[in-house]
Amino acid sequence: MARPHVLIVEDEQDIAGLIKHALERGGDADAEIVGSGDAALKAAAERVPDLIILDLNLPVLSGLDVCRLLRSRSDVRHVPIIMLTARTSEDDRVTGLEHGADDYVTKPFSLRELSARVRAVLRRSTPASGIEASRPATYQGAHLFADFDAVAVAVDGTPVRLTRREFELLRYLVQNKNRVVSRDRLLERVWGYERVVETRSVDVHVGRLRGKLRTAGCQIETVVGLGYRFVD
């Protein structure tokens, strides 16, 4: 069985080389390195990767621009993106998530931590048949319709385009409708993390999902101090 293909977009070749070595040595994936945003767009078009590790601070075409352009393309918009950032401001990290990144890792980072997140993302990208069978096939509400088998969502009859992560988040919340789901549980079940990590990914993705669902967005409630609940 072929190993997953990871595209590393990083202009600092020493960092890129370390990441590639760590992923390939651990047997997690085969990795390809490119050093610019333009090269990343070309590489993703030539061979759709299973995961993209994307540096925020690229020359000319920034990581945010690359992320936005990738999310606008039908052939690669489903590909998970982990963003690397040297910026410590929470606003910068949130901006990356709002542009469509699935998660972020702040430099300097642990290769072990990055490898763990890569494994989690790749694991979630290959759903197990037993788990899939227990999920609801469709949901029909006053405003929201979702066909989870066809990967189709509509609000008030208008199709809504979600990223892969947003779709999986919606599916899990609907699957557990009327129950409070903690952020840690969402990180485990939707992001695939085996232990608690410090990240704003859940909150930002919930906010993006609410916005895209428009009139149905209010069905996702925040339960202060506990997590989120999809109200049917």
Protein backbone atom coordinates (compact mmCIF):
# COMPACT_ATOMS: atom_id res chain seq x y z
CA MET A 1 0.00 0.00 0.00
CA ALA A 2 1.37 3.39 -1.04
CA ARG A 3 2.23 5.80 1.74
CA PRO A 4 0.41 9.14 1.94
CA HIS A 5 1.96 12.00 -0.02
CA VAL A 6 2.73 15.16 1.96
CA LEU A 7 3.62 18.46 0.29
CA ILE A 8 5.93 20.61 2.42
CA VAL A 9 5.87 24.30 1.45
CA GLU A 10 8.77 25.92 3.28
CA ASP A 11 11.43 28.34 1.99
CA GLU A 12 13.89 27.51 4.79
CA GLN A 13 15.46 24.39 3.37
CA ASP A 14 16.98 23.19 6.63
CA ILE A 15 13.57 23.19 8.33
CA ALA A 16 11.92 21.57 5.33
CA GLY A 17 14.59 18.87 5.26
CA LEU A 18 14.13 18.08 8.94
CA ILE A 19 10.36 17.74 8.49
CA LYS A 20 10.76 15.50 5.45
CA HIS A 21 13.28 13.30 7.25
CA ALA A 22 11.06 12.98 10.34
CA LEU A 23 7.98 11.99 8.32
CA GLU A 24 9.77 9.52 6.08
CA ARG A 25 11.91 8.02 8.85
CA GLY A 26 8.80 7.35 10.94
CA GLY A 27 7.02 5.78 7.98
CA ASP A 28 4.22 8.35 8.19
CA ALA A 29 4.41 9.54 4.59
CA ASP A 30 6.47 10.31 1.52
CA ALA A 31 7.25 14.02 1.40
CA GLU A 32 7.92 16.53 -1.36
CA ILE A 33 9.49 19.93 -0.69
CA VAL A 34 8.81 23.18 -2.55
CA GLY A 35 10.12 26.59 -1.53
CA SER A 36 7.52 29.06 -2.78
CA GLY A 37 3.80 29.63 -3.08
CA ASP A 38 3.83 29.44 -6.87
CA ALA A 39 5.71 26.15 -6.75
CA ALA A 40 3.18 24.83 -4.21
CA LEU A 41 0.21 25.60 -6.46
CA LYS A 42 1.94 23.92 -9.39
CA ALA A 43 2.95 20.85 -7.37
CA ALA A 44 -0.57 20.41 -5.97
CA ALA A 45 -1.99 20.58 -9.50
CA GLU A 46 0.45 17.97 -10.81
CA ARG A 47 -0.12 15.56 -7.92
CA VAL A 48 -2.87 16.11 -5.37
CA PRO A 49 -1.28 15.57 -1.93
CA ASP A 50 -2.92 13.89 1.04
CA LEU A 51 -1.74 16.73 3.30
CA ILE A 52 -0.03 20.10 2.90
CA ILE A 53 2.35 21.56 5.51
CA LEU A 54 2.39 25.26 4.65
CA ASP A 55 4.69 27.96 6.00
CA LEU A 56 2.91 31.26 6.64
CA ASN A 57 5.90 33.48 5.88
CA LEU A 58 6.69 32.64 2.27
CA PRO A 59 8.35 35.13 -0.10
CA VAL A 60 6.21 36.86 -2.78
CA LEU A 61 3.05 34.76 -2.42
CA SER A 62 2.32 34.39 1.30
CA GLY A 63 1.10 31.25 2.99
CA LEU A 64 -2.28 32.90 3.56
CA ASP A 65 -2.60 33.61 -0.16
CA VAL A 66 -1.61 30.06 -1.02
CA CYS A 67 -4.14 28.68 1.47
CA ARG A 68 -6.91 30.86 0.06
CA LEU A 69 -6.09 29.87 -3.54
CA LEU A 70 -5.97 26.18 -2.67
CA ARG A 71 -9.35 26.39 -0.97
CA SER A 72 -10.82 28.00 -4.10
CA ARG A 73 -9.80 25.07 -6.33
CA SER A 74 -12.16 22.12 -6.60
CA ASP A 75 -9.34 19.61 -7.13
CA VAL A 76 -7.52 20.37 -3.87
CA ARG A 77 -9.94 22.22 -1.58
CA HIS A 78 -10.50 19.02 0.41
CA VAL A 79 -6.79 18.55 1.19
CA PRO A 80 -5.96 19.16 4.88
CA ILE A 81 -3.53 22.01 5.58
CA ILE A 82 -1.32 22.41 8.64
CA MET A 83 0.15 25.90 8.75
CA LEU A 84 3.58 26.69 10.19
CA THR A 85 3.99 30.13 11.69
CA ALA A 86 6.77 31.96 13.52
CA ARG A 87 4.30 34.61 14.61
CA THR A 88 3.23 34.36 18.22
CA SER A 89 0.21 36.66 17.97
CA GLU A 90 -3.05 34.78 18.39
CA ASP A 91 -4.59 37.03 15.72
CA ASP A 92 -2.10 35.71 13.17
CA ARG A 93 -2.87 32.10 14.04
CA VAL A 94 -6.61 32.69 13.90
CA THR A 95 -6.23 34.42 10.53
CA GLY A 96 -4.57 31.29 9.15
CA LEU A 97 -7.46 29.15 10.34
CA GLU A 98 -9.97 31.61 8.90
CA HIS A 99 -8.26 31.32 5.51
CA GLY A 100 -8.94 27.58 5.54
CA ALA A 101 -6.05 25.94 7.39
CA ASP A 102 -7.06 22.91 9.46
CA ASP A 103 -4.55 23.60 12.21
CA TYR A 104 -1.29 25.40 12.92
CA VAL A 105 2.05 24.71 14.57
CA THR A 106 4.12 27.57 15.97
CA LYS A 107 7.86 27.78 15.34
CA PRO A 108 10.06 26.64 16.99
CA PHE A 109 8.21 23.34 17.13
CA SER A 110 8.89 19.78 18.16
CA LEU A 111 9.24 17.37 15.23
CA ARG A 112 7.56 14.74 17.40
CA GLU A 113 4.56 17.03 17.94
CA LEU A 114 4.32 17.90 14.24
CA SER A 115 4.59 14.23 13.26
CA ALA A 116 1.82 13.37 15.72
CA ARG A 117 -0.46 15.98 14.20
CA VAL A 118 0.35 14.76 10.69
CA ARG A 119 -0.54 11.19 11.68
CA ALA A 120 -3.80 12.40 13.22
CA VAL A 121 -4.80 14.32 10.10
CA LEU A 122 -3.92 11.45 7.78
CA ARG A 123 -5.81 9.02 9.98
CA ARG A 124 -8.92 11.19 9.79
CA SER A 125 -8.56 11.39 6.00
CA THR A 126 -9.07 7.61 5.76
CA PRO A 127 -12.40 6.93 7.50
CA ALA A 128 -13.06 3.51 8.92
CA SER A 129 -16.06 1.72 7.45
CA GLY A 130 -17.41 0.67 10.84
CA ILE A 131 -17.48 4.24 12.08
CA GLU A 132 -18.99 5.55 8.85
CA ALA A 133 -21.83 3.03 9.03
CA SER A 134 -23.00 4.39 12.39
CA ARG A 135 -23.27 7.97 11.16
CA PRO A 136 -26.55 9.47 9.97
CA ALA A 137 -26.91 9.49 6.17
CA THR A 138 -28.91 12.73 6.01
CA TYR A 139 -30.23 15.56 8.13
CA GLN A 140 -33.26 17.72 7.34
CA GLY A 141 -34.08 20.74 9.47
CA ALA A 142 -36.11 23.92 9.02
CA HIS A 143 -33.25 25.59 7.13
CA LEU A 144 -30.45 23.03 6.89
CA PHE A 145 -30.22 19.96 4.68
CA ALA A 146 -27.15 17.73 4.73
CA ASP A 147 -26.50 14.55 2.78
CA PHE A 148 -23.47 13.07 4.51
CA ASP A 149 -23.01 10.25 1.98
CA ALA A 150 -23.07 12.65 -0.98
CA VAL A 151 -21.03 15.29 0.93
CA ALA A 152 -23.65 17.92 0.14
CA VAL A 153 -25.00 20.71 2.33
CA ALA A 154 -27.69 23.29 1.56
CA VAL A 155 -29.27 26.12 3.55
CA ASP A 156 -32.72 27.30 2.51
CA GLY A 157 -32.25 25.38 -0.73
CA THR A 158 -28.92 27.03 -1.61
CA PRO A 159 -25.84 24.79 -1.75
CA VAL A 160 -23.11 25.62 0.78
CA ARG A 161 -19.46 24.85 0.11
CA LEU A 162 -17.65 23.57 3.20
CA THR A 163 -14.05 22.51 3.68
CA ARG A 164 -13.45 18.89 4.59
CA ARG A 165 -12.87 19.81 8.24
CA GLU A 166 -16.01 21.97 8.42
CA PHE A 167 -18.04 19.14 6.91
CA GLU A 168 -16.69 16.57 9.38
CA LEU A 169 -17.35 19.00 12.24
CA LEU A 170 -20.95 19.46 11.13
CA ARG A 171 -21.42 15.73 10.73
CA TYR A 172 -20.12 14.98 14.22
CA LEU A 173 -22.23 17.69 15.85
CA VAL A 174 -25.35 16.46 14.02
CA GLN A 175 -24.53 12.89 14.96
CA ASN A 176 -24.53 14.03 18.60
CA LYS A 177 -27.39 16.51 18.27
CA ASN A 178 -28.87 17.93 21.46
CA ARG A 179 -25.80 16.79 23.41
CA VAL A 180 -22.92 18.96 24.61
CA VAL A 181 -19.63 18.01 22.95
CA SER A 182 -16.44 19.32 24.54
CA ARG A 183 -13.61 20.92 22.58
CA ASP A 184 -11.30 18.08 23.64
CA ARG A 185 -13.80 15.55 22.30
CA LEU A 186 -14.01 17.39 18.98
CA LEU A 187 -10.22 17.49 18.71
CA GLU A 188 -10.18 13.75 19.31
CA ARG A 189 -13.06 12.74 17.01
CA VAL A 190 -12.89 15.34 14.24
CA TRP A 191 -9.20 16.30 14.22
CA GLY A 192 -7.99 12.84 15.25
CA TYR A 193 -5.71 14.00 18.08
CA GLU A 194 -4.97 11.32 20.64
CA ARG A 195 -4.21 13.80 23.42
CA VAL A 196 -5.14 17.36 24.30
CA VAL A 197 -3.27 20.04 22.36
CA GLU A 198 -3.30 23.81 22.73
CA THR A 199 -5.08 25.15 19.65
CA ARG A 200 -7.88 27.54 18.69
CA SER A 201 -8.83 25.35 15.75
CA VAL A 202 -12.16 24.19 17.18
CA ASP A 203 -13.43 27.67 18.05
CA VAL A 204 -12.40 29.18 14.72
CA HIS A 205 -13.87 26.33 12.68
CA VAL A 206 -17.14 26.51 14.59
CA GLY A 207 -17.28 30.25 13.91
CA ARG A 208 -16.62 29.71 10.19
CA LEU A 209 -19.21 26.94 10.03
CA ARG A 210 -21.87 29.08 11.70
CA GLY A 211 -21.22 31.87 9.22
CA LYS A 212 -21.52 29.59 6.22
CA LEU A 213 -24.73 28.01 7.52
CA ARG A 214 -26.34 31.46 7.76
CA THR A 215 -29.92 30.97 9.06
CA ALA A 216 -29.06 27.49 10.34
CA GLY A 217 -25.91 28.68 12.11
CA CYS A 218 -27.81 29.37 15.32
CA GLN A 219 -28.40 25.62 15.69
CA ILE A 220 -24.79 25.35 16.87
CA GLU A 221 -24.85 26.67 20.41
CA THR A 222 -21.90 27.54 22.63
CA VAL A 223 -22.21 26.05 26.10
CA VAL A 224 -19.87 28.24 28.13
CA GLY A 225 -17.12 26.29 29.85
CA LEU A 226 -18.22 22.99 28.32
CA GLY A 227 -18.21 23.04 24.51
CA TYR A 228 -20.78 23.07 21.73
CA ARG A 229 -24.22 21.61 21.05
CA PHE A 230 -26.16 21.16 17.81
CA VAL A 231 -29.81 21.85 18.62
CA ASP A 232 -32.39 20.06 16.52
